[in-house]
Amino acid sequence: MSSIGLGHPRFLHTDLNLLMQILTLAIIFVSLYYKRKGKLKHHGITMGVAVIVHLVTFVSVMGPIFFEYFSFYSTELGNSLAQVTWLHAVPGAIALILAIFLVVIWAANSSNVAGCYKRKRIMDITLLLWLISLLFGIATYVLTYL
């Protein structure tokens, strides 16, 4: 995290995390393709995969880094890196919680298509929050490592 002077060298795991987030975006696009084609079971499965990949990267990379530097992010609010990180973390956390909720509800009763349509607005909000988080996550990566 050289741009905030924490002496952290660029780590391979953060590069891999960025690639995994881009892969997750690709999986989401495939999932949306399945939804448009009316293949809702495939849509649910691919969204489940996307959520699992995202959850693994949060637990293994993003969460530990965020909590390691939490005091910086919470006390240096005038710093652009801290601001961008919060704009990444807050919508990302909300999106992850909503995504887990949606996938668990779907997995519990995947044949209930009507239930999925009732949650469409939540799905749309989750996707929007995830995209916002991804954009600010890329900005966080650029400010930290480039």
N, C-alpha and C. Protein backbone atom coordinates (compact mmCIF):
# COMPACT_ATOMS: atom_id res chain seq x y z
N MET A 1 0.84 -1.18 0.00
CA MET A 1 0.00 0.00 0.00
C MET A 1 0.88 1.24 0.00
N SER A 2 1.70 1.30 -0.98
CA SER A 2 2.71 2.33 -1.02
C SER A 2 2.13 3.74 -1.05
N SER A 3 0.97 3.94 -1.62
CA SER A 3 0.44 5.30 -1.71
C SER A 3 -0.04 5.84 -0.37
N ILE A 4 -0.19 4.99 0.65
CA ILE A 4 -0.55 5.50 1.97
C ILE A 4 0.60 5.33 2.94
N GLY A 5 1.75 4.94 2.43
CA GLY A 5 2.94 4.90 3.25
C GLY A 5 2.97 3.79 4.28
N LEU A 6 2.25 2.72 4.06
CA LEU A 6 2.22 1.64 5.03
C LEU A 6 3.30 0.61 4.76
N GLY A 7 4.11 0.84 3.75
CA GLY A 7 5.23 -0.04 3.48
C GLY A 7 4.83 -1.42 2.99
N HIS A 8 3.64 -1.55 2.52
CA HIS A 8 3.16 -2.84 2.04
C HIS A 8 3.57 -3.03 0.59
N PRO A 9 4.35 -4.07 0.29
CA PRO A 9 4.67 -4.31 -1.11
C PRO A 9 3.43 -4.83 -1.84
N ARG A 10 3.48 -4.76 -3.13
CA ARG A 10 2.39 -5.27 -3.96
C ARG A 10 2.37 -6.79 -3.83
N PHE A 11 1.24 -7.33 -3.48
CA PHE A 11 1.12 -8.76 -3.25
C PHE A 11 0.43 -9.45 -4.41
N LEU A 12 0.88 -10.66 -4.69
CA LEU A 12 0.24 -11.46 -5.73
C LEU A 12 -1.22 -11.71 -5.41
N HIS A 13 -1.57 -11.89 -4.14
CA HIS A 13 -2.96 -12.20 -3.81
C HIS A 13 -3.90 -11.04 -4.15
N THR A 14 -3.44 -9.82 -4.10
CA THR A 14 -4.32 -8.71 -4.48
C THR A 14 -4.49 -8.67 -5.99
N ASP A 15 -3.44 -9.01 -6.74
CA ASP A 15 -3.57 -9.11 -8.19
C ASP A 15 -4.55 -10.22 -8.56
N LEU A 16 -4.39 -11.36 -7.89
CA LEU A 16 -5.29 -12.49 -8.13
C LEU A 16 -6.72 -12.13 -7.76
N ASN A 17 -6.88 -11.41 -6.66
CA ASN A 17 -8.21 -10.97 -6.25
C ASN A 17 -8.86 -10.10 -7.33
N LEU A 18 -8.11 -9.17 -7.89
CA LEU A 18 -8.66 -8.33 -8.95
C LEU A 18 -9.10 -9.18 -10.13
N LEU A 19 -8.29 -10.14 -10.52
CA LEU A 19 -8.66 -11.04 -11.62
C LEU A 19 -9.91 -11.85 -11.27
N MET A 20 -10.01 -12.29 -10.03
CA MET A 20 -11.18 -13.06 -9.60
C MET A 20 -12.46 -12.19 -9.63
N GLN A 21 -12.32 -10.92 -9.31
CA GLN A 21 -13.48 -10.03 -9.38
C GLN A 21 -13.93 -9.83 -10.83
N ILE A 22 -12.98 -9.73 -11.73
CA ILE A 22 -13.31 -9.61 -13.15
C ILE A 22 -13.94 -10.91 -13.66
N LEU A 23 -13.43 -12.05 -13.20
CA LEU A 23 -14.03 -13.34 -13.53
C LEU A 23 -15.45 -13.41 -13.00
N THR A 24 -15.65 -12.93 -11.78
CA THR A 24 -16.99 -12.92 -11.20
C THR A 24 -17.94 -12.08 -12.05
N LEU A 25 -17.47 -10.95 -12.53
CA LEU A 25 -18.29 -10.12 -13.43
C LEU A 25 -18.65 -10.90 -14.69
N ALA A 26 -17.70 -11.63 -15.25
CA ALA A 26 -17.98 -12.45 -16.44
C ALA A 26 -19.02 -13.52 -16.13
N ILE A 27 -18.91 -14.14 -14.96
CA ILE A 27 -19.90 -15.16 -14.56
C ILE A 27 -21.28 -14.52 -14.43
N ILE A 28 -21.33 -13.33 -13.88
CA ILE A 28 -22.61 -12.63 -13.75
C ILE A 28 -23.20 -12.34 -15.13
N PHE A 29 -22.38 -11.92 -16.08
CA PHE A 29 -22.88 -11.68 -17.44
C PHE A 29 -23.41 -12.96 -18.07
N VAL A 30 -22.73 -14.07 -17.85
CA VAL A 30 -23.23 -15.37 -18.34
C VAL A 30 -24.57 -15.68 -17.68
N SER A 31 -24.65 -15.43 -16.38
CA SER A 31 -25.89 -15.67 -15.65
C SER A 31 -27.04 -14.82 -16.18
N LEU A 32 -26.75 -13.56 -16.49
CA LEU A 32 -27.79 -12.68 -17.05
C LEU A 32 -28.21 -13.15 -18.44
N TYR A 33 -27.28 -13.70 -19.19
CA TYR A 33 -27.60 -14.28 -20.50
C TYR A 33 -28.59 -15.44 -20.31
N TYR A 34 -28.30 -16.32 -19.34
CA TYR A 34 -29.22 -17.44 -19.07
C TYR A 34 -30.60 -16.92 -18.67
N LYS A 35 -30.63 -15.87 -17.88
CA LYS A 35 -31.92 -15.31 -17.44
C LYS A 35 -32.71 -14.82 -18.65
N ARG A 36 -32.04 -14.12 -19.54
CA ARG A 36 -32.72 -13.59 -20.73
C ARG A 36 -33.24 -14.71 -21.64
N LYS A 37 -32.57 -15.83 -21.64
CA LYS A 37 -32.98 -16.98 -22.45
C LYS A 37 -34.02 -17.84 -21.74
N GLY A 38 -34.39 -17.45 -20.53
CA GLY A 38 -35.40 -18.18 -19.78
C GLY A 38 -34.87 -19.44 -19.11
N LYS A 39 -33.57 -19.58 -19.03
CA LYS A 39 -32.96 -20.74 -18.37
C LYS A 39 -32.67 -20.36 -16.92
N LEU A 40 -33.74 -20.30 -16.15
CA LEU A 40 -33.63 -19.76 -14.80
C LEU A 40 -32.83 -20.65 -13.86
N LYS A 41 -32.87 -21.96 -14.07
CA LYS A 41 -32.05 -22.84 -13.22
C LYS A 41 -30.57 -22.57 -13.47
N HIS A 42 -30.18 -22.42 -14.74
CA HIS A 42 -28.79 -22.08 -15.06
C HIS A 42 -28.41 -20.71 -14.50
N HIS A 43 -29.37 -19.79 -14.57
CA HIS A 43 -29.15 -18.45 -14.01
C HIS A 43 -28.85 -18.55 -12.51
N GLY A 44 -29.66 -19.30 -11.79
CA GLY A 44 -29.47 -19.46 -10.36
C GLY A 44 -28.14 -20.12 -10.02
N ILE A 45 -27.79 -21.15 -10.78
CA ILE A 45 -26.54 -21.87 -10.52
C ILE A 45 -25.34 -20.95 -10.76
N THR A 46 -25.34 -20.23 -11.88
CA THR A 46 -24.19 -19.38 -12.18
C THR A 46 -24.10 -18.20 -11.20
N MET A 47 -25.24 -17.69 -10.77
CA MET A 47 -25.19 -16.63 -9.75
C MET A 47 -24.66 -17.20 -8.44
N GLY A 48 -25.04 -18.43 -8.13
CA GLY A 48 -24.51 -19.08 -6.94
C GLY A 48 -22.99 -19.22 -7.00
N VAL A 49 -22.48 -19.60 -8.17
CA VAL A 49 -21.03 -19.70 -8.36
C VAL A 49 -20.38 -18.33 -8.18
N ALA A 50 -20.98 -17.30 -8.76
CA ALA A 50 -20.43 -15.94 -8.64
C ALA A 50 -20.38 -15.51 -7.17
N VAL A 51 -21.42 -15.80 -6.43
CA VAL A 51 -21.47 -15.42 -5.01
C VAL A 51 -20.41 -16.19 -4.22
N ILE A 52 -20.25 -17.46 -4.51
CA ILE A 52 -19.23 -18.26 -3.81
C ILE A 52 -17.83 -17.73 -4.10
N VAL A 53 -17.54 -17.45 -5.37
CA VAL A 53 -16.22 -16.90 -5.73
C VAL A 53 -16.00 -15.58 -5.01
N HIS A 54 -17.01 -14.73 -5.01
CA HIS A 54 -16.88 -13.43 -4.35
C HIS A 54 -16.70 -13.58 -2.84
N LEU A 55 -17.45 -14.48 -2.24
CA LEU A 55 -17.34 -14.71 -0.81
C LEU A 55 -15.94 -15.22 -0.43
N VAL A 56 -15.41 -16.13 -1.22
CA VAL A 56 -14.07 -16.66 -0.96
C VAL A 56 -13.03 -15.54 -1.05
N THR A 57 -13.14 -14.68 -2.06
CA THR A 57 -12.17 -13.59 -2.18
C THR A 57 -12.33 -12.57 -1.07
N PHE A 58 -13.56 -12.36 -0.61
CA PHE A 58 -13.76 -11.44 0.52
C PHE A 58 -13.10 -12.00 1.78
N VAL A 59 -13.37 -13.26 2.06
CA VAL A 59 -12.85 -13.88 3.29
C VAL A 59 -11.33 -14.00 3.24
N SER A 60 -10.77 -14.29 2.07
CA SER A 60 -9.33 -14.56 2.00
C SER A 60 -8.47 -13.34 1.71
N VAL A 61 -9.02 -12.31 1.08
CA VAL A 61 -8.19 -11.16 0.69
C VAL A 61 -8.78 -9.83 1.16
N MET A 62 -9.95 -9.48 0.64
CA MET A 62 -10.47 -8.14 0.89
C MET A 62 -10.77 -7.86 2.35
N GLY A 63 -11.45 -8.78 3.02
CA GLY A 63 -11.78 -8.58 4.43
C GLY A 63 -10.55 -8.43 5.31
N PRO A 64 -9.59 -9.37 5.22
CA PRO A 64 -8.39 -9.23 6.06
C PRO A 64 -7.63 -7.92 5.83
N ILE A 65 -7.49 -7.50 4.58
CA ILE A 65 -6.79 -6.24 4.31
C ILE A 65 -7.58 -5.06 4.88
N PHE A 66 -8.88 -5.06 4.68
CA PHE A 66 -9.70 -3.96 5.19
C PHE A 66 -9.58 -3.87 6.71
N PHE A 67 -9.70 -5.00 7.39
CA PHE A 67 -9.66 -4.96 8.85
C PHE A 67 -8.26 -4.69 9.38
N GLU A 68 -7.24 -5.08 8.64
CA GLU A 68 -5.87 -4.78 9.06
C GLU A 68 -5.61 -3.27 9.06
N TYR A 69 -6.20 -2.58 8.10
CA TYR A 69 -5.97 -1.13 7.96
C TYR A 69 -7.21 -0.32 8.36
N PHE A 70 -8.12 -0.94 9.11
CA PHE A 70 -9.36 -0.26 9.49
C PHE A 70 -9.10 1.07 10.20
N SER A 71 -8.11 1.12 11.07
CA SER A 71 -7.85 2.37 11.80
C SER A 71 -7.46 3.48 10.82
N PHE A 72 -6.70 3.15 9.78
CA PHE A 72 -6.37 4.15 8.76
C PHE A 72 -7.62 4.60 8.03
N TYR A 73 -8.44 3.63 7.57
CA TYR A 73 -9.64 3.97 6.80
C TYR A 73 -10.64 4.77 7.63
N SER A 74 -10.66 4.56 8.94
CA SER A 74 -11.64 5.25 9.77
C SER A 74 -11.14 6.57 10.36
N THR A 75 -9.83 6.80 10.35
CA THR A 75 -9.32 8.05 10.91
C THR A 75 -8.80 9.02 9.86
N GLU A 76 -8.49 8.54 8.70
CA GLU A 76 -7.94 9.38 7.62
C GLU A 76 -8.99 9.64 6.53
N LEU A 77 -10.17 10.08 6.94
CA LEU A 77 -11.27 10.24 5.99
C LEU A 77 -11.02 11.33 4.95
N GLY A 78 -10.04 12.17 5.16
CA GLY A 78 -9.68 13.17 4.16
C GLY A 78 -8.77 12.61 3.08
N ASN A 79 -8.26 11.41 3.28
CA ASN A 79 -7.37 10.76 2.32
C ASN A 79 -8.21 10.12 1.22
N SER A 80 -7.81 10.34 -0.04
CA SER A 80 -8.59 9.81 -1.16
C SER A 80 -8.66 8.30 -1.15
N LEU A 81 -7.59 7.62 -0.72
CA LEU A 81 -7.63 6.15 -0.65
C LEU A 81 -8.66 5.69 0.37
N ALA A 82 -8.71 6.33 1.52
CA ALA A 82 -9.71 5.96 2.53
C ALA A 82 -11.12 6.19 1.99
N GLN A 83 -11.35 7.30 1.32
CA GLN A 83 -12.68 7.60 0.78
C GLN A 83 -13.10 6.57 -0.26
N VAL A 84 -12.19 6.27 -1.19
CA VAL A 84 -12.50 5.31 -2.25
C VAL A 84 -12.71 3.92 -1.66
N THR A 85 -11.93 3.58 -0.65
CA THR A 85 -12.08 2.27 -0.02
C THR A 85 -13.45 2.14 0.63
N TRP A 86 -13.91 3.19 1.31
CA TRP A 86 -15.25 3.14 1.90
C TRP A 86 -16.33 3.03 0.83
N LEU A 87 -16.13 3.75 -0.29
CA LEU A 87 -17.10 3.67 -1.40
C LEU A 87 -17.09 2.30 -2.06
N HIS A 88 -16.02 1.56 -1.85
CA HIS A 88 -15.95 0.17 -2.31
C HIS A 88 -16.56 -0.77 -1.27
N ALA A 89 -16.19 -0.58 -0.01
CA ALA A 89 -16.54 -1.53 1.04
C ALA A 89 -18.03 -1.52 1.41
N VAL A 90 -18.62 -0.36 1.54
CA VAL A 90 -20.01 -0.30 2.01
C VAL A 90 -20.98 -0.92 0.99
N PRO A 91 -20.98 -0.47 -0.27
CA PRO A 91 -21.90 -1.13 -1.21
C PRO A 91 -21.53 -2.60 -1.43
N GLY A 92 -20.22 -2.91 -1.34
CA GLY A 92 -19.80 -4.29 -1.52
C GLY A 92 -20.32 -5.19 -0.43
N ALA A 93 -20.27 -4.72 0.81
CA ALA A 93 -20.78 -5.52 1.94
C ALA A 93 -22.29 -5.73 1.82
N ILE A 94 -23.00 -4.67 1.47
CA ILE A 94 -24.45 -4.79 1.31
C ILE A 94 -24.77 -5.75 0.16
N ALA A 95 -24.06 -5.62 -0.96
CA ALA A 95 -24.29 -6.50 -2.10
C ALA A 95 -24.00 -7.95 -1.74
N LEU A 96 -22.93 -8.19 -1.02
CA LEU A 96 -22.58 -9.56 -0.65
C LEU A 96 -23.65 -10.16 0.26
N ILE A 97 -24.12 -9.41 1.24
CA ILE A 97 -25.17 -9.91 2.13
C ILE A 97 -26.44 -10.20 1.34
N LEU A 98 -26.84 -9.27 0.48
CA LEU A 98 -28.05 -9.49 -0.32
C LEU A 98 -27.88 -10.68 -1.26
N ALA A 99 -26.71 -10.80 -1.87
CA ALA A 99 -26.47 -11.91 -2.81
C ALA A 99 -26.53 -13.25 -2.09
N ILE A 100 -25.93 -13.33 -0.91
CA ILE A 100 -26.00 -14.58 -0.15
C ILE A 100 -27.45 -14.90 0.18
N PHE A 101 -28.18 -13.89 0.64
CA PHE A 101 -29.61 -14.08 0.94
C PHE A 101 -30.37 -14.60 -0.28
N LEU A 102 -30.17 -13.96 -1.42
CA LEU A 102 -30.90 -14.35 -2.63
C LEU A 102 -30.55 -15.77 -3.08
N VAL A 103 -29.28 -16.12 -3.03
CA VAL A 103 -28.87 -17.46 -3.46
C VAL A 103 -29.39 -18.52 -2.50
N VAL A 104 -29.33 -18.25 -1.20
CA VAL A 104 -29.83 -19.22 -0.22
C VAL A 104 -31.34 -19.43 -0.40
N ILE A 105 -32.08 -18.34 -0.56
CA ILE A 105 -33.53 -18.44 -0.76
C ILE A 105 -33.82 -19.24 -2.03
N TRP A 106 -33.08 -18.95 -3.11
CA TRP A 106 -33.28 -19.68 -4.36
C TRP A 106 -32.94 -21.16 -4.19
N ALA A 107 -31.81 -21.45 -3.56
CA ALA A 107 -31.37 -22.84 -3.39
C ALA A 107 -32.36 -23.63 -2.55
N ALA A 108 -33.00 -22.98 -1.60
CA ALA A 108 -33.96 -23.66 -0.73
C ALA A 108 -35.22 -24.07 -1.49
N ASN A 109 -35.53 -23.36 -2.57
CA ASN A 109 -36.74 -23.67 -3.34
C ASN A 109 -36.55 -23.22 -4.78
N SER A 110 -35.63 -23.87 -5.48
CA SER A 110 -35.27 -23.43 -6.83
C SER A 110 -36.38 -23.61 -7.85
N SER A 111 -37.40 -24.38 -7.53
CA SER A 111 -38.50 -24.56 -8.49
C SER A 111 -39.54 -23.44 -8.40
N ASN A 112 -39.45 -22.59 -7.40
CA ASN A 112 -40.42 -21.51 -7.21
C ASN A 112 -40.00 -20.28 -8.02
N VAL A 113 -40.33 -20.29 -9.31
CA VAL A 113 -39.97 -19.19 -10.20
C VAL A 113 -40.70 -17.91 -9.82
N ALA A 114 -41.94 -18.04 -9.36
CA ALA A 114 -42.71 -16.85 -8.96
C ALA A 114 -42.01 -16.11 -7.83
N GLY A 115 -41.41 -16.86 -6.92
CA GLY A 115 -40.68 -16.23 -5.81
C GLY A 115 -39.51 -15.42 -6.31
N CYS A 116 -38.85 -15.92 -7.35
CA CYS A 116 -37.72 -15.18 -7.93
C CYS A 116 -38.20 -13.87 -8.54
N TYR A 117 -39.33 -13.91 -9.23
CA TYR A 117 -39.84 -12.68 -9.83
C TYR A 117 -40.23 -11.65 -8.77
N LYS A 118 -40.67 -12.11 -7.61
CA LYS A 118 -41.01 -11.20 -6.52
C LYS A 118 -39.76 -10.50 -5.97
N ARG A 119 -38.61 -11.15 -6.10
CA ARG A 119 -37.37 -10.58 -5.59
C ARG A 119 -36.54 -9.89 -6.67
N LYS A 120 -37.13 -9.67 -7.82
CA LYS A 120 -36.38 -9.07 -8.93
C LYS A 120 -35.79 -7.72 -8.57
N ARG A 121 -36.54 -6.88 -7.88
CA ARG A 121 -36.04 -5.55 -7.50
C ARG A 121 -34.81 -5.67 -6.59
N ILE A 122 -34.86 -6.62 -5.65
CA ILE A 122 -33.70 -6.84 -4.77
C ILE A 122 -32.50 -7.32 -5.60
N MET A 123 -32.78 -8.17 -6.57
CA MET A 123 -31.70 -8.66 -7.45
C MET A 123 -31.07 -7.50 -8.23
N ASP A 124 -31.91 -6.63 -8.75
CA ASP A 124 -31.41 -5.47 -9.51
C ASP A 124 -30.56 -4.55 -8.63
N ILE A 125 -31.04 -4.29 -7.42
CA ILE A 125 -30.29 -3.44 -6.48
C ILE A 125 -28.96 -4.10 -6.11
N THR A 126 -28.99 -5.40 -5.90
CA THR A 126 -27.78 -6.14 -5.56
C THR A 126 -26.75 -6.02 -6.68
N LEU A 127 -27.19 -6.20 -7.91
CA LEU A 127 -26.28 -6.09 -9.05
C LEU A 127 -25.71 -4.67 -9.15
N LEU A 128 -26.55 -3.67 -8.99
CA LEU A 128 -26.08 -2.29 -9.05
C LEU A 128 -25.05 -2.00 -7.95
N LEU A 129 -25.34 -2.44 -6.74
CA LEU A 129 -24.38 -2.23 -5.64
C LEU A 129 -23.07 -2.97 -5.90
N TRP A 130 -23.17 -4.18 -6.45
CA TRP A 130 -21.96 -4.95 -6.75
C TRP A 130 -21.13 -4.23 -7.81
N LEU A 131 -21.78 -3.69 -8.85
CA LEU A 131 -21.05 -2.98 -9.90
C LEU A 131 -20.39 -1.71 -9.35
N ILE A 132 -21.10 -0.98 -8.51
CA ILE A 132 -20.52 0.21 -7.87
C ILE A 132 -19.30 -0.20 -7.05
N SER A 133 -19.46 -1.25 -6.26
CA SER A 133 -18.36 -1.74 -5.45
C SER A 133 -17.17 -2.17 -6.31
N LEU A 134 -17.45 -2.84 -7.41
CA LEU A 134 -16.37 -3.28 -8.30
C LEU A 134 -15.61 -2.08 -8.86
N LEU A 135 -16.32 -1.06 -9.30
CA LEU A 135 -15.65 0.13 -9.85
C LEU A 135 -14.76 0.80 -8.79
N PHE A 136 -15.29 0.96 -7.58
CA PHE A 136 -14.48 1.57 -6.53
C PHE A 136 -13.40 0.61 -6.02
N GLY A 137 -13.63 -0.69 -6.15
CA GLY A 137 -12.59 -1.66 -5.82
C GLY A 137 -11.41 -1.55 -6.77
N ILE A 138 -11.71 -1.38 -8.05
CA ILE A 138 -10.64 -1.18 -9.04
C ILE A 138 -9.90 0.12 -8.74
N ALA A 139 -10.66 1.16 -8.39
CA ALA A 139 -10.02 2.44 -8.03
C ALA A 139 -9.14 2.27 -6.79
N THR A 140 -9.60 1.50 -5.81
CA THR A 140 -8.81 1.24 -4.61
C THR A 140 -7.51 0.52 -4.99
N TYR A 141 -7.61 -0.46 -5.84
CA TYR A 141 -6.45 -1.20 -6.30
C TYR A 141 -5.45 -0.26 -6.99
N VAL A 142 -5.95 0.59 -7.89
CA VAL A 142 -5.08 1.52 -8.62
C VAL A 142 -4.39 2.48 -7.65
N LEU A 143 -5.15 3.06 -6.72
CA LEU A 143 -4.56 4.00 -5.76
C LEU A 143 -3.55 3.32 -4.83
N THR A 144 -3.76 2.07 -4.53
CA THR A 144 -2.90 1.36 -3.59
C THR A 144 -1.66 0.78 -4.24
N TYR A 145 -1.81 0.19 -5.41
CA TYR A 145 -0.72 -0.62 -5.96
C TYR A 145 -0.09 -0.09 -7.23
N LEU A 146 -0.70 0.87 -7.88
CA LEU A 146 -0.10 1.37 -9.14
C LEU A 146 0.49 2.75 -8.97
